[in-house]
């Protein structure tokens, strides 16, 4: 985070990566949504849940991309301020822009981690084996007796 040019290159790479993820997830969600034709079977319900989760993740990625856009603005301002003659105002402006740049990058990182965590949790739920539905009638109401203490082997 020393030079504005390095920040801009890194932000360019990150922006492209996130935009690519948004495109990929949107395409996957659209494809999955087209495969469901108002079906009521378990596979259709699973596909609907998958589409819902993918689109929610895209929303979180969009927020992260917006934060990266703000980071790009701060990196550009940092680049501009760094070219000014040395002065106390310049030093203050550089510190302020760096602080705001770091805050935006941290916010982006946090949002991406949260989105990834939510997507991972939902993927685990979607791929977990179905649990059998138990009705209250089939549950045993017979109390379980307490364990019988073992007899002592010492004489």
N, C-alpha and C. Protein backbone atom coordinates (compact mmCIF):
# COMPACT_ATOMS: atom_id res chain seq x y z
N UNK A 1 0.81 -1.19 0.00
CA UNK A 1 0.00 0.00 0.00
C UNK A 1 0.86 1.25 0.00
N UNK A 2 1.99 1.19 -0.62
CA UNK A 2 2.87 2.35 -0.61
C UNK A 2 2.57 3.30 -1.76
N UNK A 3 2.42 2.76 -2.93
CA UNK A 3 2.22 3.67 -4.07
C UNK A 3 0.81 3.50 -4.62
N UNK A 4 0.26 4.58 -5.10
CA UNK A 4 -1.08 4.55 -5.68
C UNK A 4 -1.16 3.67 -6.89
N UNK A 5 -0.06 3.60 -7.68
CA UNK A 5 -0.07 2.78 -8.89
C UNK A 5 -0.21 1.30 -8.55
N UNK A 6 0.51 0.84 -7.52
CA UNK A 6 0.40 -0.56 -7.11
C UNK A 6 -1.02 -0.86 -6.64
N UNK A 7 -1.59 0.08 -5.88
CA UNK A 7 -2.96 -0.11 -5.41
C UNK A 7 -3.92 -0.21 -6.58
N UNK A 8 -3.74 0.64 -7.56
CA UNK A 8 -4.64 0.62 -8.71
C UNK A 8 -4.51 -0.69 -9.49
N UNK A 9 -3.31 -1.21 -9.62
CA UNK A 9 -3.13 -2.50 -10.30
C UNK A 9 -3.80 -3.62 -9.51
N UNK A 10 -3.61 -3.63 -8.20
CA UNK A 10 -4.24 -4.66 -7.37
C UNK A 10 -5.76 -4.54 -7.40
N UNK A 11 -6.25 -3.31 -7.33
CA UNK A 11 -7.69 -3.10 -7.37
C UNK A 11 -8.27 -3.49 -8.72
N UNK A 12 -7.51 -3.26 -9.78
CA UNK A 12 -7.95 -3.67 -11.12
C UNK A 12 -8.14 -5.19 -11.16
N UNK A 13 -7.16 -5.92 -10.63
CA UNK A 13 -7.26 -7.38 -10.60
C UNK A 13 -8.45 -7.84 -9.76
N UNK A 14 -8.61 -7.26 -8.59
CA UNK A 14 -9.70 -7.65 -7.70
C UNK A 14 -11.06 -7.33 -8.31
N UNK A 15 -11.17 -6.17 -8.93
CA UNK A 15 -12.42 -5.77 -9.56
C UNK A 15 -12.80 -6.74 -10.68
N UNK A 16 -11.82 -7.11 -11.47
CA UNK A 16 -12.09 -8.07 -12.56
C UNK A 16 -12.51 -9.42 -12.00
N UNK A 17 -11.86 -9.86 -10.92
CA UNK A 17 -12.20 -11.14 -10.30
C UNK A 17 -13.64 -11.15 -9.79
N UNK A 18 -14.01 -10.09 -9.08
CA UNK A 18 -15.36 -10.03 -8.52
C UNK A 18 -16.40 -9.88 -9.63
N UNK A 19 -16.12 -9.06 -10.62
CA UNK A 19 -17.05 -8.92 -11.74
C UNK A 19 -17.22 -10.26 -12.46
N UNK A 20 -16.13 -11.00 -12.60
CA UNK A 20 -16.20 -12.33 -13.21
C UNK A 20 -17.05 -13.28 -12.38
N UNK A 21 -16.89 -13.21 -11.05
CA UNK A 21 -17.71 -14.05 -10.17
C UNK A 21 -19.19 -13.70 -10.30
N UNK A 22 -19.48 -12.42 -10.35
CA UNK A 22 -20.88 -11.99 -10.50
C UNK A 22 -21.45 -12.55 -11.80
N UNK A 23 -20.70 -12.42 -12.87
CA UNK A 23 -21.15 -12.94 -14.17
C UNK A 23 -21.35 -14.45 -14.11
N UNK A 24 -20.39 -15.15 -13.54
CA UNK A 24 -20.47 -16.61 -13.45
C UNK A 24 -21.68 -17.05 -12.63
N UNK A 25 -21.86 -16.46 -11.45
CA UNK A 25 -22.97 -16.86 -10.58
C UNK A 25 -24.32 -16.48 -11.18
N UNK A 26 -24.38 -15.34 -11.84
CA UNK A 26 -25.63 -14.93 -12.48
C UNK A 26 -25.98 -15.88 -13.62
N UNK A 27 -24.99 -16.26 -14.39
CA UNK A 27 -25.22 -17.22 -15.49
C UNK A 27 -25.67 -18.57 -14.94
N UNK A 28 -25.01 -19.04 -13.88
CA UNK A 28 -25.38 -20.32 -13.27
C UNK A 28 -26.80 -20.27 -12.71
N UNK A 29 -27.15 -19.16 -12.05
CA UNK A 29 -28.50 -19.02 -11.50
C UNK A 29 -29.54 -18.98 -12.62
N UNK A 30 -29.25 -18.24 -13.69
CA UNK A 30 -30.19 -18.15 -14.81
C UNK A 30 -30.38 -19.52 -15.46
N UNK A 31 -29.29 -20.26 -15.63
CA UNK A 31 -29.39 -21.59 -16.23
C UNK A 31 -30.21 -22.51 -15.34
N UNK A 32 -29.93 -22.48 -14.03
CA UNK A 32 -30.68 -23.34 -13.10
C UNK A 32 -32.15 -22.96 -13.08
N UNK A 33 -32.44 -21.67 -13.11
CA UNK A 33 -33.83 -21.22 -13.08
C UNK A 33 -34.59 -21.69 -14.33
N UNK A 34 -33.90 -21.72 -15.47
CA UNK A 34 -34.55 -22.17 -16.71
C UNK A 34 -34.86 -23.66 -16.67
N UNK A 35 -34.14 -24.44 -15.88
CA UNK A 35 -34.35 -25.88 -15.84
C UNK A 35 -35.57 -26.27 -15.01
N UNK A 36 -36.06 -25.36 -14.19
CA UNK A 36 -37.22 -25.64 -13.35
C UNK A 36 -38.46 -25.11 -14.04
N UNK A 37 -39.38 -25.98 -14.32
CA UNK A 37 -40.62 -25.57 -14.99
C UNK A 37 -41.79 -25.76 -14.04
N UNK A 38 -41.82 -24.96 -13.00
CA UNK A 38 -42.91 -24.98 -12.03
C UNK A 38 -43.11 -26.37 -11.42
N UNK A 39 -42.08 -27.16 -11.41
CA UNK A 39 -42.19 -28.50 -10.83
C UNK A 39 -42.31 -28.44 -9.32
N UNK A 40 -42.92 -29.44 -8.76
CA UNK A 40 -43.09 -29.50 -7.31
C UNK A 40 -42.28 -30.64 -6.70
N UNK A 41 -41.48 -31.30 -7.50
CA UNK A 41 -40.69 -32.41 -6.99
C UNK A 41 -39.50 -31.90 -6.16
N UNK A 42 -38.90 -32.78 -5.35
CA UNK A 42 -37.78 -32.35 -4.50
C UNK A 42 -36.61 -31.76 -5.28
N UNK A 43 -36.37 -32.25 -6.48
CA UNK A 43 -35.27 -31.72 -7.28
C UNK A 43 -35.55 -30.28 -7.70
N UNK A 44 -36.79 -29.97 -8.04
CA UNK A 44 -37.15 -28.59 -8.38
C UNK A 44 -37.00 -27.67 -7.19
N UNK A 45 -37.41 -28.14 -6.02
CA UNK A 45 -37.26 -27.32 -4.81
C UNK A 45 -35.79 -27.08 -4.51
N UNK A 46 -34.96 -28.07 -4.70
CA UNK A 46 -33.52 -27.92 -4.48
C UNK A 46 -32.94 -26.91 -5.47
N UNK A 47 -33.37 -26.97 -6.71
CA UNK A 47 -32.90 -26.03 -7.72
C UNK A 47 -33.34 -24.61 -7.38
N UNK A 48 -34.56 -24.45 -6.92
CA UNK A 48 -35.04 -23.11 -6.53
C UNK A 48 -34.22 -22.56 -5.37
N UNK A 49 -33.93 -23.39 -4.39
CA UNK A 49 -33.11 -22.95 -3.26
C UNK A 49 -31.71 -22.59 -3.72
N UNK A 50 -31.20 -23.35 -4.67
CA UNK A 50 -29.86 -23.06 -5.20
C UNK A 50 -29.86 -21.71 -5.92
N UNK A 51 -30.86 -21.48 -6.75
CA UNK A 51 -30.96 -20.20 -7.47
C UNK A 51 -31.08 -19.05 -6.48
N UNK A 52 -31.90 -19.22 -5.46
CA UNK A 52 -32.06 -18.17 -4.44
C UNK A 52 -30.74 -17.86 -3.77
N UNK A 53 -30.01 -18.89 -3.38
CA UNK A 53 -28.73 -18.66 -2.70
C UNK A 53 -27.72 -18.01 -3.64
N UNK A 54 -27.66 -18.43 -4.89
CA UNK A 54 -26.73 -17.83 -5.84
C UNK A 54 -27.05 -16.35 -6.04
N UNK A 55 -28.32 -16.01 -6.16
CA UNK A 55 -28.66 -14.61 -6.39
C UNK A 55 -28.41 -13.77 -5.14
N UNK A 56 -28.60 -14.34 -3.96
CA UNK A 56 -28.25 -13.59 -2.74
C UNK A 56 -26.75 -13.34 -2.67
N UNK A 57 -25.98 -14.32 -3.08
CA UNK A 57 -24.53 -14.16 -3.08
C UNK A 57 -24.11 -13.09 -4.07
N UNK A 58 -24.77 -13.04 -5.21
CA UNK A 58 -24.46 -12.00 -6.20
C UNK A 58 -24.74 -10.62 -5.61
N UNK A 59 -25.80 -10.50 -4.83
CA UNK A 59 -26.09 -9.22 -4.17
C UNK A 59 -24.96 -8.81 -3.25
N UNK A 60 -24.45 -9.76 -2.46
CA UNK A 60 -23.33 -9.46 -1.56
C UNK A 60 -22.07 -9.11 -2.35
N UNK A 61 -21.86 -9.80 -3.45
CA UNK A 61 -20.71 -9.48 -4.30
C UNK A 61 -20.84 -8.09 -4.90
N UNK A 62 -22.06 -7.70 -5.24
CA UNK A 62 -22.29 -6.35 -5.77
C UNK A 62 -21.91 -5.28 -4.75
N UNK A 63 -22.25 -5.53 -3.48
CA UNK A 63 -21.86 -4.58 -2.43
C UNK A 63 -20.34 -4.53 -2.30
N UNK A 64 -19.70 -5.68 -2.38
CA UNK A 64 -18.24 -5.72 -2.31
C UNK A 64 -17.63 -4.98 -3.49
N UNK A 65 -18.22 -5.14 -4.66
CA UNK A 65 -17.72 -4.44 -5.85
C UNK A 65 -17.90 -2.93 -5.70
N UNK A 66 -19.01 -2.50 -5.09
CA UNK A 66 -19.21 -1.07 -4.84
C UNK A 66 -18.14 -0.53 -3.89
N UNK A 67 -17.79 -1.31 -2.87
CA UNK A 67 -16.72 -0.89 -1.97
C UNK A 67 -15.39 -0.82 -2.70
N UNK A 68 -15.16 -1.75 -3.61
CA UNK A 68 -13.93 -1.69 -4.40
C UNK A 68 -13.94 -0.44 -5.28
N UNK A 69 -15.10 -0.06 -5.79
CA UNK A 69 -15.18 1.17 -6.57
C UNK A 69 -14.77 2.37 -5.74
N UNK A 70 -15.22 2.40 -4.50
CA UNK A 70 -14.81 3.48 -3.60
C UNK A 70 -13.31 3.42 -3.32
N UNK A 71 -12.78 2.21 -3.19
CA UNK A 71 -11.33 2.04 -2.97
C UNK A 71 -10.56 2.58 -4.17
N UNK A 72 -11.05 2.34 -5.38
CA UNK A 72 -10.40 2.85 -6.59
C UNK A 72 -10.37 4.38 -6.54
N UNK A 73 -11.48 4.98 -6.12
CA UNK A 73 -11.53 6.45 -6.02
C UNK A 73 -10.48 6.96 -5.03
N UNK A 74 -10.33 6.27 -3.90
CA UNK A 74 -9.34 6.69 -2.90
C UNK A 74 -7.92 6.45 -3.40
N UNK A 75 -7.71 5.36 -4.14
CA UNK A 75 -6.38 5.10 -4.70
C UNK A 75 -6.02 6.17 -5.72
N UNK A 76 -7.01 6.59 -6.53
CA UNK A 76 -6.77 7.67 -7.48
C UNK A 76 -6.46 8.98 -6.79
N UNK A 77 -7.20 9.27 -5.73
CA UNK A 77 -6.94 10.50 -4.97
C UNK A 77 -5.57 10.43 -4.31
N UNK A 78 -5.20 9.26 -3.82
CA UNK A 78 -3.88 9.08 -3.22
C UNK A 78 -2.78 9.32 -4.26
N UNK A 79 -3.02 8.84 -5.45
CA UNK A 79 -2.08 9.06 -6.55
C UNK A 79 -1.93 10.56 -6.83
N UNK A 80 -3.04 11.26 -6.86
CA UNK A 80 -3.03 12.70 -7.12
C UNK A 80 -2.33 13.46 -6.00
N UNK A 81 -2.68 13.15 -4.76
CA UNK A 81 -2.12 13.87 -3.62
C UNK A 81 -0.62 13.61 -3.50
N UNK A 82 -0.19 12.41 -3.85
CA UNK A 82 1.24 12.07 -3.75
C UNK A 82 2.10 12.90 -4.70
N UNK A 83 1.50 13.44 -5.73
CA UNK A 83 2.27 14.23 -6.70
C UNK A 83 2.42 15.69 -6.27
N UNK A 84 1.73 16.09 -5.22
CA UNK A 84 1.81 17.48 -4.74
C UNK A 84 3.13 17.71 -4.00
N UNK A 85 3.56 18.97 -3.93
CA UNK A 85 4.79 19.28 -3.17
C UNK A 85 4.60 18.91 -1.69
N UNK A 86 5.70 18.51 -1.08
CA UNK A 86 5.66 18.12 0.33
C UNK A 86 5.19 19.28 1.20
N UNK A 87 4.25 18.93 2.10
CA UNK A 87 3.74 19.92 3.05
C UNK A 87 2.99 19.15 4.13
N UNK A 88 2.71 19.80 5.23
CA UNK A 88 1.91 19.14 6.28
C UNK A 88 0.51 18.76 5.78
N UNK A 89 -0.07 19.60 4.91
CA UNK A 89 -1.40 19.30 4.36
C UNK A 89 -1.34 18.06 3.47
N UNK A 90 -0.27 17.95 2.70
CA UNK A 90 -0.10 16.78 1.83
C UNK A 90 0.01 15.52 2.68
N UNK A 91 0.81 15.57 3.73
CA UNK A 91 0.99 14.42 4.60
C UNK A 91 -0.34 14.01 5.23
N UNK A 92 -1.10 14.99 5.68
CA UNK A 92 -2.41 14.72 6.27
C UNK A 92 -3.35 14.11 5.23
N UNK A 93 -3.34 14.67 4.03
CA UNK A 93 -4.22 14.17 2.96
C UNK A 93 -3.84 12.74 2.58
N UNK A 94 -2.53 12.44 2.52
CA UNK A 94 -2.08 11.08 2.18
C UNK A 94 -2.54 10.10 3.26
N UNK A 95 -2.36 10.48 4.51
CA UNK A 95 -2.78 9.60 5.61
C UNK A 95 -4.29 9.36 5.57
N UNK A 96 -5.05 10.41 5.30
CA UNK A 96 -6.50 10.28 5.23
C UNK A 96 -6.92 9.36 4.08
N UNK A 97 -6.35 9.57 2.91
CA UNK A 97 -6.71 8.73 1.75
C UNK A 97 -6.30 7.28 1.97
N UNK A 98 -5.12 7.07 2.53
CA UNK A 98 -4.68 5.69 2.83
C UNK A 98 -5.61 5.03 3.82
N UNK A 99 -6.01 5.78 4.84
CA UNK A 99 -6.92 5.23 5.84
C UNK A 99 -8.25 4.84 5.21
N UNK A 100 -8.79 5.72 4.37
CA UNK A 100 -10.06 5.42 3.71
C UNK A 100 -9.92 4.28 2.72
N UNK A 101 -8.78 4.23 2.03
CA UNK A 101 -8.52 3.13 1.10
C UNK A 101 -8.47 1.81 1.86
N UNK A 102 -7.74 1.78 2.95
CA UNK A 102 -7.65 0.55 3.77
C UNK A 102 -9.02 0.15 4.30
N UNK A 103 -9.81 1.14 4.73
CA UNK A 103 -11.14 0.84 5.25
C UNK A 103 -12.02 0.20 4.18
N UNK A 104 -11.95 0.72 2.96
CA UNK A 104 -12.75 0.15 1.86
C UNK A 104 -12.28 -1.26 1.51
N UNK A 105 -11.00 -1.46 1.48
CA UNK A 105 -10.47 -2.80 1.17
C UNK A 105 -10.85 -3.78 2.27
N UNK A 106 -10.75 -3.35 3.53
CA UNK A 106 -11.16 -4.21 4.65
C UNK A 106 -12.65 -4.54 4.58
N UNK A 107 -13.46 -3.54 4.24
CA UNK A 107 -14.89 -3.76 4.11
C UNK A 107 -15.18 -4.76 2.98
N UNK A 108 -14.47 -4.61 1.88
CA UNK A 108 -14.64 -5.54 0.76
C UNK A 108 -14.27 -6.95 1.20
N UNK A 109 -13.14 -7.07 1.85
CA UNK A 109 -12.67 -8.38 2.32
C UNK A 109 -13.70 -9.01 3.26
N UNK A 110 -14.22 -8.21 4.19
CA UNK A 110 -15.21 -8.71 5.15
C UNK A 110 -16.48 -9.17 4.43
N UNK A 111 -16.94 -8.37 3.48
CA UNK A 111 -18.15 -8.75 2.75
C UNK A 111 -17.95 -10.02 1.94
N UNK A 112 -16.78 -10.14 1.32
CA UNK A 112 -16.50 -11.35 0.54
C UNK A 112 -16.42 -12.58 1.44
N UNK A 113 -15.79 -12.43 2.58
CA UNK A 113 -15.71 -13.55 3.52
C UNK A 113 -17.08 -13.96 4.02
N UNK A 114 -17.92 -12.98 4.34
CA UNK A 114 -19.26 -13.29 4.81
C UNK A 114 -20.09 -13.95 3.71
N UNK A 115 -19.99 -13.43 2.49
CA UNK A 115 -20.73 -14.02 1.37
C UNK A 115 -20.26 -15.44 1.11
N UNK A 116 -18.96 -15.63 1.15
CA UNK A 116 -18.41 -16.98 0.94
C UNK A 116 -18.85 -17.92 2.03
N UNK A 117 -18.86 -17.44 3.27
CA UNK A 117 -19.30 -18.28 4.38
C UNK A 117 -20.75 -18.68 4.25
N UNK A 118 -21.60 -17.71 3.89
CA UNK A 118 -23.02 -18.02 3.71
C UNK A 118 -23.23 -19.00 2.56
N UNK A 119 -22.51 -18.79 1.48
CA UNK A 119 -22.62 -19.69 0.33
C UNK A 119 -22.16 -21.09 0.71
N UNK A 120 -21.09 -21.18 1.45
CA UNK A 120 -20.57 -22.48 1.89
C UNK A 120 -21.57 -23.18 2.80
N UNK A 121 -22.16 -22.46 3.75
CA UNK A 121 -23.15 -23.05 4.65
C UNK A 121 -24.36 -23.55 3.88
N UNK A 122 -24.82 -22.74 2.96
CA UNK A 122 -25.99 -23.15 2.18
C UNK A 122 -25.65 -24.35 1.30
N UNK A 123 -24.45 -24.38 0.75
CA UNK A 123 -24.05 -25.54 -0.06
C UNK A 123 -24.03 -26.80 0.79
N UNK A 124 -23.56 -26.67 2.03
CA UNK A 124 -23.58 -27.83 2.93
C UNK A 124 -25.01 -28.29 3.19
N UNK A 125 -25.93 -27.32 3.38
CA UNK A 125 -27.33 -27.69 3.61
C UNK A 125 -27.94 -28.33 2.38
N UNK A 126 -27.60 -27.81 1.22
CA UNK A 126 -28.17 -28.35 -0.02
C UNK A 126 -27.68 -29.74 -0.32
N UNK A 127 -26.45 -30.05 0.07
CA UNK A 127 -25.88 -31.36 -0.25
C UNK A 127 -26.01 -32.37 0.88
N UNK A 128 -26.52 -31.93 2.04
CA UNK A 128 -26.69 -32.85 3.17
C UNK A 128 -27.78 -33.85 2.84
N UNK A 129 -27.61 -35.09 3.33
CA UNK A 129 -28.66 -36.08 3.07
C UNK A 129 -29.95 -35.64 3.78
N UNK A 130 -31.06 -35.91 3.16
CA UNK A 130 -32.32 -35.48 3.77
C UNK A 130 -32.55 -36.21 5.09
N UNK A 131 -33.08 -35.48 6.05
CA UNK A 131 -33.40 -36.09 7.33
C UNK A 131 -34.83 -36.58 7.26
N UNK A 132 -35.07 -37.76 7.79
CA UNK A 132 -36.44 -38.28 7.72
C UNK A 132 -37.36 -37.44 8.59
N UNK A 133 -38.55 -37.25 8.09
CA UNK A 133 -39.55 -36.49 8.86
C UNK A 133 -40.11 -37.40 9.92
N UNK A 134 -40.08 -36.96 11.15
CA UNK A 134 -40.64 -37.75 12.24
C UNK A 134 -41.89 -37.06 12.74
N UNK A 135 -42.95 -37.84 12.80
CA UNK A 135 -44.18 -37.28 13.33
C UNK A 135 -44.21 -37.52 14.83
N UNK A 136 -44.91 -36.70 15.58
CA UNK A 136 -44.97 -36.87 17.03
C UNK A 136 -45.57 -38.21 17.43
N UNK A 137 -46.40 -38.81 16.57
CA UNK A 137 -47.03 -40.09 16.90
C UNK A 137 -46.03 -41.22 16.96
N UNK A 138 -44.98 -41.16 16.16
CA UNK A 138 -44.05 -42.29 16.10
C UNK A 138 -42.97 -42.21 17.17
N UNK A 139 -42.92 -41.12 17.91
CA UNK A 139 -41.90 -40.97 18.94
C UNK A 139 -42.34 -41.76 20.16
N UNK A 140 -41.43 -42.53 20.70
CA UNK A 140 -41.72 -43.35 21.87
C UNK A 140 -41.87 -42.46 23.09
N UNK A 141 -42.93 -42.75 23.90
CA UNK A 141 -43.12 -42.01 25.14
C UNK A 141 -42.75 -42.85 26.34
N UNK A 142 -42.25 -44.04 26.10
CA UNK A 142 -41.84 -44.91 27.19
C UNK A 142 -40.56 -44.37 27.80
N UNK A 143 -40.55 -44.18 29.12
CA UNK A 143 -39.33 -43.66 29.73
C UNK A 143 -38.20 -44.66 29.64
N UNK A 144 -37.03 -44.14 29.47
CA UNK A 144 -35.84 -44.99 29.40
C UNK A 144 -35.35 -45.21 30.82
N UNK A 145 -35.19 -46.50 31.23
CA UNK A 145 -34.75 -46.74 32.60
C UNK A 145 -33.31 -46.29 32.80
N UNK A 146 -32.97 -45.87 34.03
CA UNK A 146 -31.59 -45.45 34.27
C UNK A 146 -30.65 -46.64 34.16
N UNK A 147 -29.39 -46.40 33.83
CA UNK A 147 -28.46 -47.51 33.70
C UNK A 147 -28.27 -48.22 35.04
N UNK A 148 -28.10 -49.53 34.96
CA UNK A 148 -27.89 -50.34 36.16
C UNK A 148 -26.41 -50.27 36.51
N UNK A 149 -26.07 -49.95 37.76
CA UNK A 149 -24.66 -49.87 38.11
C UNK A 149 -24.00 -51.24 38.01
N UNK A 150 -22.78 -51.25 37.56
CA UNK A 150 -22.04 -52.50 37.44
C UNK A 150 -21.68 -53.01 38.83
N UNK A 151 -21.70 -54.35 38.97
CA UNK A 151 -21.32 -54.94 40.27
C UNK A 151 -19.83 -54.88 40.43
N UNK A 152 -19.40 -54.75 41.66
CA UNK A 152 -17.97 -54.64 41.96
C UNK A 152 -17.30 -55.98 41.76
N UNK A 153 -16.12 -55.99 41.20
CA UNK A 153 -15.35 -57.22 40.98
C UNK A 153 -14.34 -57.47 42.10
N UNK A 154 -14.26 -56.57 43.02
CA UNK A 154 -13.31 -56.78 44.10
C UNK A 154 -13.95 -57.57 45.22
N UNK A 155 -13.17 -58.40 45.94
CA UNK A 155 -13.74 -59.21 47.01
C UNK A 155 -13.35 -58.68 48.31
